[in-house]
Amino acid sequence: MSVELRSFVYLDRLQPQFAAYVGANARGYIPIPGMAATLVEISPGVMINEVIDAALKSANVQPGMMVVERHFGVLEFHAQAQAEVKHAGEAVLKTLGLKIEDRVKPKILSSQVIHKVNPYHAQMVNVSRLCSMLLPGQDLYILEVQPAAYITLAANEAEKNAHITLVDCRTYGAVGRLYLGGRQSDVERAASAAETSINRLTGKEV
């Protein structure tokens, strides 16, 4: 069966808020800050079972999230040792018969900053958020990326580089979406870090 490597993302050091988000919304083993992690997104989705089999049998890693949809499959695995995560990632690629260069190059679909969010606007965002709450008066940063799993790198790098609040992060589906809140200067630094991390990634143009 032909497999498309939609995303292959390595995170060297999970940040506290992002690690908490993965732990709160995953059904697998919960990661903690400082761990390394890899996310793999493929199509068709059912082949993600081959991915998790390869990862778990090759290295001492733990799966935190696995999503199986008809079109897309997503797996996140993590460990304290970066070497274990990297080895598992190499095993995944070998099993799929692919290289890192075969992944789809991410594309930023939209990027926007809303200054000093209105209290009612903040409440509307908070109704469906998966992470922390956006507060009235904060700046709001929204980023959309395709393929979806790459949004995890943007979220982790944004938190690594600025004092922001991780409000929402959607890591699978047609589009990856990130919501961050904070002071204007912090949001600007976070946005720059997030978009730089995405633009630096290589892969096949689709």
N, C-alpha and C. Protein backbone atom coordinates (compact mmCIF):
# COMPACT_ATOMS: atom_id res chain seq x y z
N MET A 1 0.84 -1.20 0.00
CA MET A 1 0.00 0.00 0.00
C MET A 1 0.88 1.25 0.00
N SER A 2 0.58 2.18 -0.89
CA SER A 2 1.35 3.42 -0.97
C SER A 2 0.99 4.34 0.20
N VAL A 3 2.02 4.88 0.86
CA VAL A 3 1.82 5.73 2.02
C VAL A 3 2.40 7.12 1.76
N GLU A 4 1.64 8.14 2.10
CA GLU A 4 2.13 9.52 2.03
C GLU A 4 2.55 9.97 3.42
N LEU A 5 3.79 10.41 3.54
CA LEU A 5 4.29 10.95 4.81
C LEU A 5 3.92 12.43 4.87
N ARG A 6 2.79 12.71 5.47
CA ARG A 6 2.30 14.09 5.49
C ARG A 6 3.11 14.96 6.45
N SER A 7 3.45 14.41 7.61
CA SER A 7 4.24 15.18 8.58
C SER A 7 5.19 14.25 9.31
N PHE A 8 6.37 14.78 9.60
CA PHE A 8 7.32 14.09 10.47
C PHE A 8 8.00 15.19 11.28
N VAL A 9 7.67 15.26 12.56
CA VAL A 9 8.09 16.38 13.40
C VAL A 9 8.85 15.87 14.61
N TYR A 10 10.06 16.37 14.82
CA TYR A 10 10.85 16.04 16.00
C TYR A 10 10.88 17.25 16.93
N LEU A 11 10.52 17.03 18.19
CA LEU A 11 10.55 18.08 19.20
C LEU A 11 11.65 17.73 20.21
N ASP A 12 12.67 18.56 20.31
CA ASP A 12 13.82 18.22 21.14
C ASP A 12 13.55 18.31 22.63
N ARG A 13 12.64 19.20 23.03
CA ARG A 13 12.39 19.40 24.46
C ARG A 13 10.98 19.94 24.66
N LEU A 14 10.08 19.10 25.14
CA LEU A 14 8.71 19.53 25.33
C LEU A 14 8.62 20.62 26.38
N GLN A 15 7.94 21.70 26.04
CA GLN A 15 7.74 22.81 26.96
C GLN A 15 6.58 22.50 27.92
N PRO A 16 6.56 23.13 29.10
CA PRO A 16 5.59 22.77 30.13
C PRO A 16 4.13 22.83 29.69
N GLN A 17 3.71 23.92 29.03
CA GLN A 17 2.32 24.02 28.63
C GLN A 17 1.98 23.03 27.52
N PHE A 18 2.90 22.87 26.57
CA PHE A 18 2.62 21.95 25.48
C PHE A 18 2.57 20.51 25.99
N ALA A 19 3.47 20.16 26.89
CA ALA A 19 3.44 18.82 27.48
C ALA A 19 2.15 18.59 28.24
N ALA A 20 1.68 19.61 28.97
CA ALA A 20 0.43 19.50 29.71
C ALA A 20 -0.75 19.32 28.76
N TYR A 21 -0.72 20.03 27.63
CA TYR A 21 -1.78 19.90 26.62
C TYR A 21 -1.83 18.47 26.08
N VAL A 22 -0.67 17.92 25.72
CA VAL A 22 -0.64 16.55 25.20
C VAL A 22 -1.16 15.58 26.24
N GLY A 23 -0.73 15.75 27.49
CA GLY A 23 -1.16 14.85 28.54
C GLY A 23 -2.64 14.92 28.84
N ALA A 24 -3.19 16.14 28.77
CA ALA A 24 -4.61 16.33 29.10
C ALA A 24 -5.54 15.81 28.00
N ASN A 25 -5.07 15.78 26.78
CA ASN A 25 -5.94 15.44 25.65
C ASN A 25 -5.60 14.12 24.99
N ALA A 26 -4.57 13.45 25.46
CA ALA A 26 -4.18 12.17 24.89
C ALA A 26 -4.77 11.02 25.70
N ARG A 27 -4.82 9.86 25.08
CA ARG A 27 -5.34 8.68 25.76
C ARG A 27 -4.24 7.64 26.00
N GLY A 28 -3.02 8.04 25.76
CA GLY A 28 -1.91 7.12 25.94
C GLY A 28 -1.09 7.48 27.16
N TYR A 29 0.22 7.31 27.05
CA TYR A 29 1.13 7.61 28.15
C TYR A 29 1.42 9.11 28.17
N ILE A 30 1.33 9.70 29.35
CA ILE A 30 1.43 11.15 29.49
C ILE A 30 2.89 11.60 29.50
N PRO A 31 3.26 12.56 28.66
CA PRO A 31 4.62 13.09 28.68
C PRO A 31 4.79 14.14 29.77
N ILE A 32 6.02 14.44 30.11
CA ILE A 32 6.31 15.51 31.06
C ILE A 32 7.30 16.47 30.40
N PRO A 33 7.38 17.71 30.92
CA PRO A 33 8.28 18.70 30.33
C PRO A 33 9.72 18.20 30.26
N GLY A 34 10.38 18.58 29.18
CA GLY A 34 11.78 18.21 29.00
C GLY A 34 11.98 16.97 28.16
N MET A 35 10.93 16.17 28.00
CA MET A 35 11.05 14.99 27.16
C MET A 35 11.19 15.38 25.69
N ALA A 36 11.76 14.48 24.91
CA ALA A 36 11.78 14.63 23.46
C ALA A 36 10.58 13.88 22.89
N ALA A 37 10.12 14.29 21.72
CA ALA A 37 8.94 13.65 21.13
C ALA A 37 9.01 13.73 19.61
N THR A 38 8.29 12.83 18.97
CA THR A 38 8.13 12.84 17.53
C THR A 38 6.66 12.65 17.19
N LEU A 39 6.19 13.40 16.19
CA LEU A 39 4.84 13.22 15.67
C LEU A 39 4.93 12.82 14.21
N VAL A 40 4.15 11.81 13.86
CA VAL A 40 4.12 11.31 12.50
C VAL A 40 2.67 11.35 12.02
N GLU A 41 2.47 11.93 10.85
CA GLU A 41 1.15 11.97 10.23
C GLU A 41 1.26 11.36 8.85
N ILE A 42 0.40 10.36 8.57
CA ILE A 42 0.46 9.66 7.30
C ILE A 42 -0.93 9.53 6.69
N SER A 43 -0.92 9.15 5.44
CA SER A 43 -2.16 8.82 4.74
C SER A 43 -1.89 7.59 3.87
N PRO A 44 -2.77 6.55 3.90
CA PRO A 44 -4.05 6.47 4.61
C PRO A 44 -3.87 6.25 6.11
N GLY A 45 -4.92 6.60 6.85
CA GLY A 45 -4.84 6.60 8.30
C GLY A 45 -4.57 5.25 8.93
N VAL A 46 -5.13 4.18 8.37
CA VAL A 46 -5.01 2.87 9.00
C VAL A 46 -3.57 2.39 9.10
N MET A 47 -2.70 2.92 8.26
CA MET A 47 -1.29 2.51 8.27
C MET A 47 -0.54 3.02 9.49
N ILE A 48 -1.18 3.85 10.31
CA ILE A 48 -0.53 4.33 11.53
C ILE A 48 -0.24 3.18 12.48
N ASN A 49 -0.97 2.06 12.31
CA ASN A 49 -0.69 0.89 13.13
C ASN A 49 0.68 0.29 12.82
N GLU A 50 1.11 0.37 11.57
CA GLU A 50 2.46 -0.05 11.21
C GLU A 50 3.49 0.87 11.85
N VAL A 51 3.14 2.15 11.94
CA VAL A 51 4.05 3.14 12.51
C VAL A 51 4.27 2.90 14.00
N ILE A 52 3.18 2.71 14.74
CA ILE A 52 3.33 2.49 16.18
C ILE A 52 4.05 1.18 16.47
N ASP A 53 3.80 0.16 15.66
CA ASP A 53 4.48 -1.12 15.84
C ASP A 53 5.99 -0.95 15.69
N ALA A 54 6.40 -0.24 14.66
CA ALA A 54 7.82 -0.03 14.41
C ALA A 54 8.47 0.78 15.52
N ALA A 55 7.79 1.84 15.95
CA ALA A 55 8.36 2.72 16.97
C ALA A 55 8.55 2.00 18.31
N LEU A 56 7.53 1.28 18.76
CA LEU A 56 7.58 0.65 20.08
C LEU A 56 8.51 -0.55 20.14
N LYS A 57 8.69 -1.24 19.01
CA LYS A 57 9.57 -2.41 19.00
C LYS A 57 11.04 -2.05 18.81
N SER A 58 11.31 -0.82 18.42
CA SER A 58 12.69 -0.45 18.11
C SER A 58 13.40 0.33 19.20
N ALA A 59 12.63 0.95 20.10
CA ALA A 59 13.26 1.84 21.09
C ALA A 59 12.38 1.96 22.33
N ASN A 60 12.96 2.48 23.38
CA ASN A 60 12.24 2.65 24.65
C ASN A 60 11.49 3.98 24.63
N VAL A 61 10.39 4.01 23.89
CA VAL A 61 9.54 5.19 23.79
C VAL A 61 8.13 4.84 24.23
N GLN A 62 7.36 5.87 24.56
CA GLN A 62 5.98 5.69 24.98
C GLN A 62 5.04 6.46 24.06
N PRO A 63 3.93 5.84 23.63
CA PRO A 63 2.98 6.55 22.78
C PRO A 63 2.04 7.41 23.63
N GLY A 64 1.87 8.66 23.21
CA GLY A 64 0.98 9.54 23.94
C GLY A 64 -0.34 9.76 23.23
N MET A 65 -0.33 9.70 21.90
CA MET A 65 -1.55 9.96 21.14
C MET A 65 -1.51 9.15 19.86
N MET A 66 -2.63 8.52 19.54
CA MET A 66 -2.79 7.88 18.25
C MET A 66 -4.19 8.16 17.73
N VAL A 67 -4.27 8.72 16.55
CA VAL A 67 -5.55 9.04 15.92
C VAL A 67 -5.61 8.30 14.59
N VAL A 68 -6.69 7.56 14.39
CA VAL A 68 -6.87 6.82 13.14
C VAL A 68 -8.15 7.30 12.47
N GLU A 69 -7.99 8.05 11.39
CA GLU A 69 -9.11 8.46 10.56
C GLU A 69 -8.95 7.80 9.20
N ARG A 70 -9.97 7.90 8.37
CA ARG A 70 -9.90 7.24 7.06
C ARG A 70 -8.77 7.80 6.22
N HIS A 71 -8.62 9.10 6.21
CA HIS A 71 -7.62 9.72 5.36
C HIS A 71 -6.29 9.94 6.07
N PHE A 72 -6.33 10.35 7.36
CA PHE A 72 -5.11 10.68 8.08
C PHE A 72 -4.96 9.82 9.32
N GLY A 73 -3.71 9.47 9.61
CA GLY A 73 -3.38 8.81 10.86
C GLY A 73 -2.25 9.58 11.52
N VAL A 74 -2.34 9.77 12.84
CA VAL A 74 -1.34 10.56 13.57
C VAL A 74 -0.87 9.78 14.79
N LEU A 75 0.44 9.79 15.03
CA LEU A 75 1.01 9.17 16.21
C LEU A 75 2.00 10.12 16.86
N GLU A 76 1.93 10.22 18.19
CA GLU A 76 2.95 10.94 18.96
C GLU A 76 3.59 9.94 19.91
N PHE A 77 4.92 9.95 19.97
CA PHE A 77 5.62 9.14 20.97
C PHE A 77 6.75 9.96 21.57
N HIS A 78 7.13 9.63 22.80
CA HIS A 78 8.08 10.46 23.53
C HIS A 78 8.95 9.60 24.46
N ALA A 79 10.01 10.21 24.97
CA ALA A 79 10.90 9.55 25.92
C ALA A 79 11.80 10.60 26.56
N GLN A 80 12.40 10.24 27.68
CA GLN A 80 13.35 11.14 28.33
C GLN A 80 14.60 11.31 27.48
N ALA A 81 15.03 10.24 26.82
CA ALA A 81 16.28 10.26 26.05
C ALA A 81 16.00 10.64 24.60
N GLN A 82 16.64 11.69 24.12
CA GLN A 82 16.48 12.10 22.73
C GLN A 82 16.91 11.00 21.77
N ALA A 83 17.94 10.25 22.14
CA ALA A 83 18.45 9.20 21.27
C ALA A 83 17.40 8.12 21.02
N GLU A 84 16.61 7.80 22.04
CA GLU A 84 15.56 6.79 21.88
C GLU A 84 14.50 7.27 20.90
N VAL A 85 14.11 8.53 21.03
CA VAL A 85 13.08 9.08 20.15
C VAL A 85 13.58 9.14 18.71
N LYS A 86 14.82 9.55 18.53
CA LYS A 86 15.38 9.61 17.19
C LYS A 86 15.49 8.22 16.57
N HIS A 87 15.88 7.23 17.37
CA HIS A 87 16.00 5.86 16.86
C HIS A 87 14.64 5.32 16.44
N ALA A 88 13.62 5.59 17.26
CA ALA A 88 12.27 5.15 16.92
C ALA A 88 11.79 5.82 15.63
N GLY A 89 12.13 7.09 15.47
CA GLY A 89 11.75 7.80 14.25
C GLY A 89 12.40 7.19 13.02
N GLU A 90 13.67 6.81 13.15
CA GLU A 90 14.37 6.17 12.03
C GLU A 90 13.73 4.83 11.68
N ALA A 91 13.30 4.09 12.70
CA ALA A 91 12.65 2.80 12.47
C ALA A 91 11.32 2.98 11.76
N VAL A 92 10.60 4.03 12.11
CA VAL A 92 9.33 4.33 11.45
C VAL A 92 9.54 4.58 9.96
N LEU A 93 10.50 5.42 9.65
CA LEU A 93 10.79 5.74 8.25
C LEU A 93 11.22 4.50 7.48
N LYS A 94 12.04 3.66 8.10
CA LYS A 94 12.49 2.44 7.45
C LYS A 94 11.33 1.51 7.16
N THR A 95 10.42 1.39 8.12
CA THR A 95 9.25 0.53 7.95
C THR A 95 8.36 1.02 6.82
N LEU A 96 8.23 2.33 6.70
CA LEU A 96 7.39 2.90 5.64
C LEU A 96 8.11 2.94 4.29
N GLY A 97 9.42 2.67 4.31
CA GLY A 97 10.20 2.73 3.07
C GLY A 97 10.37 4.16 2.58
N LEU A 98 10.46 5.10 3.53
CA LEU A 98 10.55 6.51 3.18
C LEU A 98 11.73 7.16 3.87
N LYS A 99 12.05 8.38 3.45
CA LYS A 99 13.09 9.19 4.07
C LYS A 99 12.47 10.48 4.58
N ILE A 100 13.20 11.17 5.43
CA ILE A 100 12.69 12.43 5.98
C ILE A 100 12.39 13.42 4.86
N GLU A 101 13.14 13.33 3.76
CA GLU A 101 12.92 14.23 2.63
C GLU A 101 11.59 13.98 1.92
N ASP A 102 10.96 12.83 2.22
CA ASP A 102 9.69 12.49 1.58
C ASP A 102 8.48 13.14 2.27
N ARG A 103 8.70 13.74 3.43
CA ARG A 103 7.57 14.36 4.11
C ARG A 103 7.08 15.58 3.32
N VAL A 104 5.82 15.91 3.51
CA VAL A 104 5.26 17.08 2.86
C VAL A 104 5.81 18.34 3.52
N LYS A 105 6.25 19.27 2.73
CA LYS A 105 6.74 20.55 3.27
C LYS A 105 5.55 21.34 3.80
N PRO A 106 5.62 21.81 5.04
CA PRO A 106 4.47 22.54 5.61
C PRO A 106 4.26 23.89 4.96
N LYS A 107 3.01 24.31 5.00
CA LYS A 107 2.64 25.60 4.43
C LYS A 107 1.81 26.38 5.46
N ILE A 108 2.17 27.63 5.67
CA ILE A 108 1.38 28.50 6.54
C ILE A 108 0.20 29.03 5.73
N LEU A 109 -1.00 28.70 6.17
CA LEU A 109 -2.21 29.12 5.46
C LEU A 109 -2.68 30.49 5.90
N SER A 110 -2.54 30.77 7.20
CA SER A 110 -2.93 32.10 7.70
C SER A 110 -2.23 32.38 9.01
N SER A 111 -2.02 33.67 9.27
CA SER A 111 -1.37 34.13 10.49
C SER A 111 -1.97 35.49 10.84
N GLN A 112 -2.46 35.62 12.07
CA GLN A 112 -3.07 36.89 12.44
C GLN A 112 -2.89 37.17 13.93
N VAL A 113 -2.82 38.45 14.26
CA VAL A 113 -2.75 38.91 15.65
C VAL A 113 -3.89 39.88 15.89
N ILE A 114 -4.65 39.64 16.94
CA ILE A 114 -5.72 40.54 17.35
C ILE A 114 -5.30 41.18 18.66
N HIS A 115 -5.21 42.50 18.68
CA HIS A 115 -4.71 43.21 19.85
C HIS A 115 -5.84 43.47 20.85
N LYS A 116 -5.49 43.30 22.13
CA LYS A 116 -6.40 43.63 23.24
C LYS A 116 -7.79 43.05 23.01
N VAL A 117 -7.87 41.75 23.13
CA VAL A 117 -9.11 41.02 22.85
C VAL A 117 -10.25 41.49 23.75
N ASN A 118 -11.40 41.68 23.12
CA ASN A 118 -12.62 42.06 23.85
C ASN A 118 -13.04 40.92 24.79
N PRO A 119 -13.59 41.24 25.97
CA PRO A 119 -14.00 40.19 26.92
C PRO A 119 -14.95 39.16 26.31
N TYR A 120 -15.91 39.59 25.50
CA TYR A 120 -16.83 38.64 24.88
C TYR A 120 -16.13 37.75 23.87
N HIS A 121 -15.17 38.34 23.14
CA HIS A 121 -14.39 37.55 22.19
C HIS A 121 -13.60 36.48 22.93
N ALA A 122 -12.98 36.87 24.03
CA ALA A 122 -12.21 35.91 24.83
C ALA A 122 -13.10 34.76 25.30
N GLN A 123 -14.31 35.06 25.72
CA GLN A 123 -15.22 34.02 26.18
C GLN A 123 -15.58 33.07 25.05
N MET A 124 -15.76 33.59 23.84
CA MET A 124 -16.11 32.74 22.71
C MET A 124 -14.96 31.79 22.36
N VAL A 125 -13.74 32.29 22.45
CA VAL A 125 -12.57 31.43 22.20
C VAL A 125 -12.47 30.36 23.27
N ASN A 126 -12.72 30.73 24.52
CA ASN A 126 -12.57 29.80 25.64
C ASN A 126 -13.59 28.67 25.64
N VAL A 127 -14.71 28.88 24.98
CA VAL A 127 -15.77 27.86 24.97
C VAL A 127 -15.25 26.53 24.41
N SER A 128 -14.41 26.60 23.39
CA SER A 128 -13.98 25.36 22.73
C SER A 128 -12.48 25.10 22.83
N ARG A 129 -11.77 25.86 23.68
CA ARG A 129 -10.32 25.70 23.76
C ARG A 129 -9.96 24.39 24.46
N LEU A 130 -8.78 23.84 24.08
CA LEU A 130 -8.29 22.60 24.65
C LEU A 130 -7.20 22.82 25.69
N CYS A 131 -6.74 24.06 25.82
CA CYS A 131 -5.63 24.33 26.73
C CYS A 131 -6.05 25.35 27.79
N SER A 132 -5.27 26.39 28.00
CA SER A 132 -5.57 27.40 29.01
C SER A 132 -6.52 28.45 28.45
N MET A 133 -6.98 29.32 29.34
CA MET A 133 -7.97 30.31 28.93
C MET A 133 -7.33 31.62 28.49
N LEU A 134 -7.93 32.20 27.45
CA LEU A 134 -7.55 33.52 26.97
C LEU A 134 -8.21 34.56 27.86
N LEU A 135 -7.45 35.56 28.29
CA LEU A 135 -7.98 36.59 29.18
C LEU A 135 -8.28 37.87 28.42
N PRO A 136 -9.32 38.57 28.81
CA PRO A 136 -9.65 39.85 28.17
C PRO A 136 -8.45 40.81 28.23
N GLY A 137 -8.23 41.52 27.16
CA GLY A 137 -7.14 42.48 27.11
C GLY A 137 -5.83 41.91 26.59
N GLN A 138 -5.72 40.59 26.54
CA GLN A 138 -4.51 39.99 25.97
C GLN A 138 -4.53 40.10 24.45
N ASP A 139 -3.35 40.03 23.84
CA ASP A 139 -3.27 39.87 22.40
C ASP A 139 -3.51 38.40 22.07
N LEU A 140 -4.12 38.16 20.93
CA LEU A 140 -4.42 36.80 20.49
C LEU A 140 -3.72 36.54 19.16
N TYR A 141 -2.94 35.46 19.12
CA TYR A 141 -2.25 35.04 17.89
C TYR A 141 -2.86 33.75 17.39
N ILE A 142 -3.19 33.69 16.10
CA ILE A 142 -3.79 32.51 15.50
C ILE A 142 -2.95 32.13 14.27
N LEU A 143 -2.56 30.86 14.24
CA LEU A 143 -1.77 30.35 13.12
C LEU A 143 -2.43 29.09 12.57
N GLU A 144 -2.52 29.01 11.24
CA GLU A 144 -3.03 27.81 10.58
C GLU A 144 -1.95 27.24 9.68
N VAL A 145 -1.74 25.93 9.79
CA VAL A 145 -0.68 25.25 9.05
C VAL A 145 -1.24 23.97 8.43
N GLN A 146 -0.70 23.63 7.28
CA GLN A 146 -1.06 22.38 6.61
C GLN A 146 0.21 21.71 6.10
N PRO A 147 0.36 20.39 6.32
CA PRO A 147 -0.45 19.44 7.08
C PRO A 147 -0.51 19.76 8.57
N ALA A 148 -1.52 19.21 9.21
CA ALA A 148 -1.90 19.65 10.55
C ALA A 148 -0.85 19.41 11.64
N ALA A 149 -0.18 18.25 11.62
CA ALA A 149 0.70 17.88 12.73
C ALA A 149 1.86 18.83 12.93
N TYR A 150 2.22 19.58 11.90
CA TYR A 150 3.33 20.53 12.03
C TYR A 150 3.03 21.65 13.03
N ILE A 151 1.77 21.84 13.35
CA ILE A 151 1.41 22.91 14.29
C ILE A 151 2.02 22.65 15.67
N THR A 152 2.35 21.37 15.95
CA THR A 152 2.97 21.03 17.23
C THR A 152 4.34 21.68 17.38
N LEU A 153 5.09 21.71 16.30
CA LEU A 153 6.40 22.37 16.35
C LEU A 153 6.24 23.86 16.58
N ALA A 154 5.27 24.47 15.91
CA ALA A 154 5.02 25.90 16.09
C ALA A 154 4.66 26.21 17.53
N ALA A 155 3.80 25.39 18.12
CA ALA A 155 3.37 25.61 19.51
C ALA A 155 4.52 25.48 20.49
N ASN A 156 5.31 24.43 20.32
CA ASN A 156 6.42 24.19 21.25
C ASN A 156 7.49 25.25 21.14
N GLU A 157 7.82 25.67 19.92
CA GLU A 157 8.84 26.69 19.74
C GLU A 157 8.36 28.07 20.20
N ALA A 158 7.08 28.35 20.02
CA ALA A 158 6.54 29.62 20.51
C ALA A 158 6.68 29.71 22.02
N GLU A 159 6.33 28.62 22.71
CA GLU A 159 6.43 28.62 24.17
C GLU A 159 7.88 28.67 24.63
N LYS A 160 8.75 28.07 23.86
CA LYS A 160 10.17 28.05 24.21
C LYS A 160 10.78 29.45 24.15
N ASN A 161 10.24 30.30 23.30
CA ASN A 161 10.86 31.60 23.03
C ASN A 161 10.14 32.81 23.62
N ALA A 162 8.98 32.61 24.23
CA ALA A 162 8.24 33.76 24.77
C ALA A 162 7.32 33.33 25.91
N HIS A 163 7.01 34.28 26.77
CA HIS A 163 6.12 34.02 27.90
C HIS A 163 4.68 34.23 27.43
N ILE A 164 4.06 33.16 26.94
CA ILE A 164 2.71 33.25 26.40
C ILE A 164 1.82 32.19 27.06
N THR A 165 0.53 32.28 26.78
CA THR A 165 -0.41 31.28 27.23
C THR A 165 -0.85 30.44 26.03
N LEU A 166 -0.69 29.14 26.13
CA LEU A 166 -1.16 28.22 25.09
C LEU A 166 -2.66 28.03 25.30
N VAL A 167 -3.45 28.57 24.38
CA VAL A 167 -4.90 28.57 24.52
C VAL A 167 -5.54 27.38 23.81
N ASP A 168 -5.10 27.10 22.59
CA ASP A 168 -5.69 25.99 21.84
C ASP A 168 -4.68 25.48 20.82
N CYS A 169 -4.74 24.18 20.55
CA CYS A 169 -3.85 23.57 19.58
C CYS A 169 -4.57 22.38 18.96
N ARG A 170 -4.78 22.42 17.66
CA ARG A 170 -5.45 21.33 16.94
C ARG A 170 -4.43 20.66 16.04
N THR A 171 -4.10 19.42 16.35
CA THR A 171 -2.94 18.77 15.75
C THR A 171 -3.27 17.78 14.63
N TYR A 172 -4.53 17.54 14.36
CA TYR A 172 -4.85 16.61 13.27
C TYR A 172 -6.13 17.06 12.57
N GLY A 173 -6.34 16.51 11.38
CA GLY A 173 -7.45 16.94 10.54
C GLY A 173 -6.92 17.64 9.30
N ALA A 174 -7.77 18.39 8.66
CA ALA A 174 -7.39 19.06 7.41
C ALA A 174 -6.37 20.17 7.64
N VAL A 175 -6.48 20.87 8.78
CA VAL A 175 -5.63 22.03 9.06
C VAL A 175 -5.20 22.01 10.53
N GLY A 176 -3.95 22.32 10.80
CA GLY A 176 -3.49 22.50 12.17
C GLY A 176 -3.69 23.93 12.59
N ARG A 177 -4.17 24.13 13.80
CA ARG A 177 -4.49 25.49 14.23
C ARG A 177 -3.97 25.74 15.65
N LEU A 178 -3.37 26.92 15.84
CA LEU A 178 -2.78 27.31 17.11
C LEU A 178 -3.33 28.65 17.57
N TYR A 179 -3.71 28.73 18.85
CA TYR A 179 -4.15 29.98 19.47
C TYR A 179 -3.23 30.24 20.67
N LEU A 180 -2.63 31.43 20.70
CA LEU A 180 -1.79 31.85 21.82
C LEU A 180 -2.26 33.19 22.35
N GLY A 181 -2.12 33.41 23.64
CA GLY A 181 -2.47 34.69 24.25
C GLY A 181 -1.31 35.25 25.06
N GLY A 182 -1.30 36.57 25.23
CA GLY A 182 -0.26 37.18 26.05
C GLY A 182 -0.12 38.66 25.78
N ARG A 183 0.93 39.24 26.35
CA ARG A 183 1.23 40.64 26.10
C ARG A 183 1.71 40.81 24.66
N GLN A 184 1.56 42.01 24.13
CA GLN A 184 1.89 42.24 22.72
C GLN A 184 3.32 41.84 22.39
N SER A 185 4.28 42.24 23.21
CA SER A 185 5.68 41.94 22.91
C SER A 185 5.95 40.43 22.95
N ASP A 186 5.32 39.74 23.90
CA ASP A 186 5.51 38.29 24.00
C ASP A 186 4.86 37.58 22.82
N VAL A 187 3.68 38.01 22.44
CA VAL A 187 2.98 37.40 21.32
C VAL A 187 3.77 37.60 20.03
N GLU A 188 4.35 38.78 19.86
CA GLU A 188 5.15 39.04 18.66
C GLU A 188 6.36 38.11 18.59
N ARG A 189 7.04 37.89 19.73
CA ARG A 189 8.18 36.97 19.75
C ARG A 189 7.73 35.54 19.48
N ALA A 190 6.61 35.16 20.08
CA ALA A 190 6.09 33.81 19.89
C ALA A 190 5.70 33.57 18.44
N ALA A 191 5.05 34.55 17.83
CA ALA A 191 4.65 34.41 16.43
C ALA A 191 5.86 34.26 15.53
N SER A 192 6.88 35.05 15.78
CA SER A 192 8.10 34.97 14.97
C SER A 192 8.75 33.60 15.11
N ALA A 193 8.83 33.09 16.34
CA ALA A 193 9.44 31.78 16.57
C ALA A 193 8.63 30.67 15.92
N ALA A 194 7.31 30.76 16.04
CA ALA A 194 6.44 29.73 15.47
C ALA A 194 6.57 29.66 13.95
N GLU A 195 6.51 30.82 13.32
CA GLU A 195 6.54 30.84 11.85
C GLU A 195 7.92 30.52 11.30
N THR A 196 8.96 30.93 12.01
CA THR A 196 10.32 30.60 11.60
C THR A 196 10.54 29.09 11.64
N SER A 197 10.03 28.44 12.69
CA SER A 197 10.20 26.99 12.82
C SER A 197 9.52 26.25 11.69
N ILE A 198 8.38 26.73 11.25
CA ILE A 198 7.66 26.10 10.14
C ILE A 198 8.38 26.35 8.82
N ASN A 199 8.80 27.57 8.60
CA ASN A 199 9.44 27.92 7.32
C ASN A 199 10.80 27.26 7.12
N ARG A 200 11.43 26.85 8.22
CA ARG A 200 12.74 26.20 8.11
C ARG A 200 12.66 24.75 7.70
N LEU A 201 11.50 24.12 7.86
CA LEU A 201 11.36 22.70 7.57
C LEU A 201 11.43 22.44 6.06
N THR A 202 12.05 21.34 5.74
CA THR A 202 12.17 20.92 4.34
C THR A 202 11.20 19.78 4.06
N GLY A 203 10.98 19.53 2.78
CA GLY A 203 10.10 18.44 2.39
C GLY A 203 9.64 18.63 0.95
N LYS A 204 8.73 17.76 0.53
CA LYS A 204 8.21 17.83 -0.82
C LYS A 204 7.13 18.89 -0.94
N GLU A 205 7.22 19.67 -1.98
CA GLU A 205 6.17 20.65 -2.27
C GLU A 205 4.94 19.93 -2.81
N VAL A 206 3.78 20.25 -2.25
CA VAL A 206 2.52 19.64 -2.70
C VAL A 206 1.57 20.74 -3.12
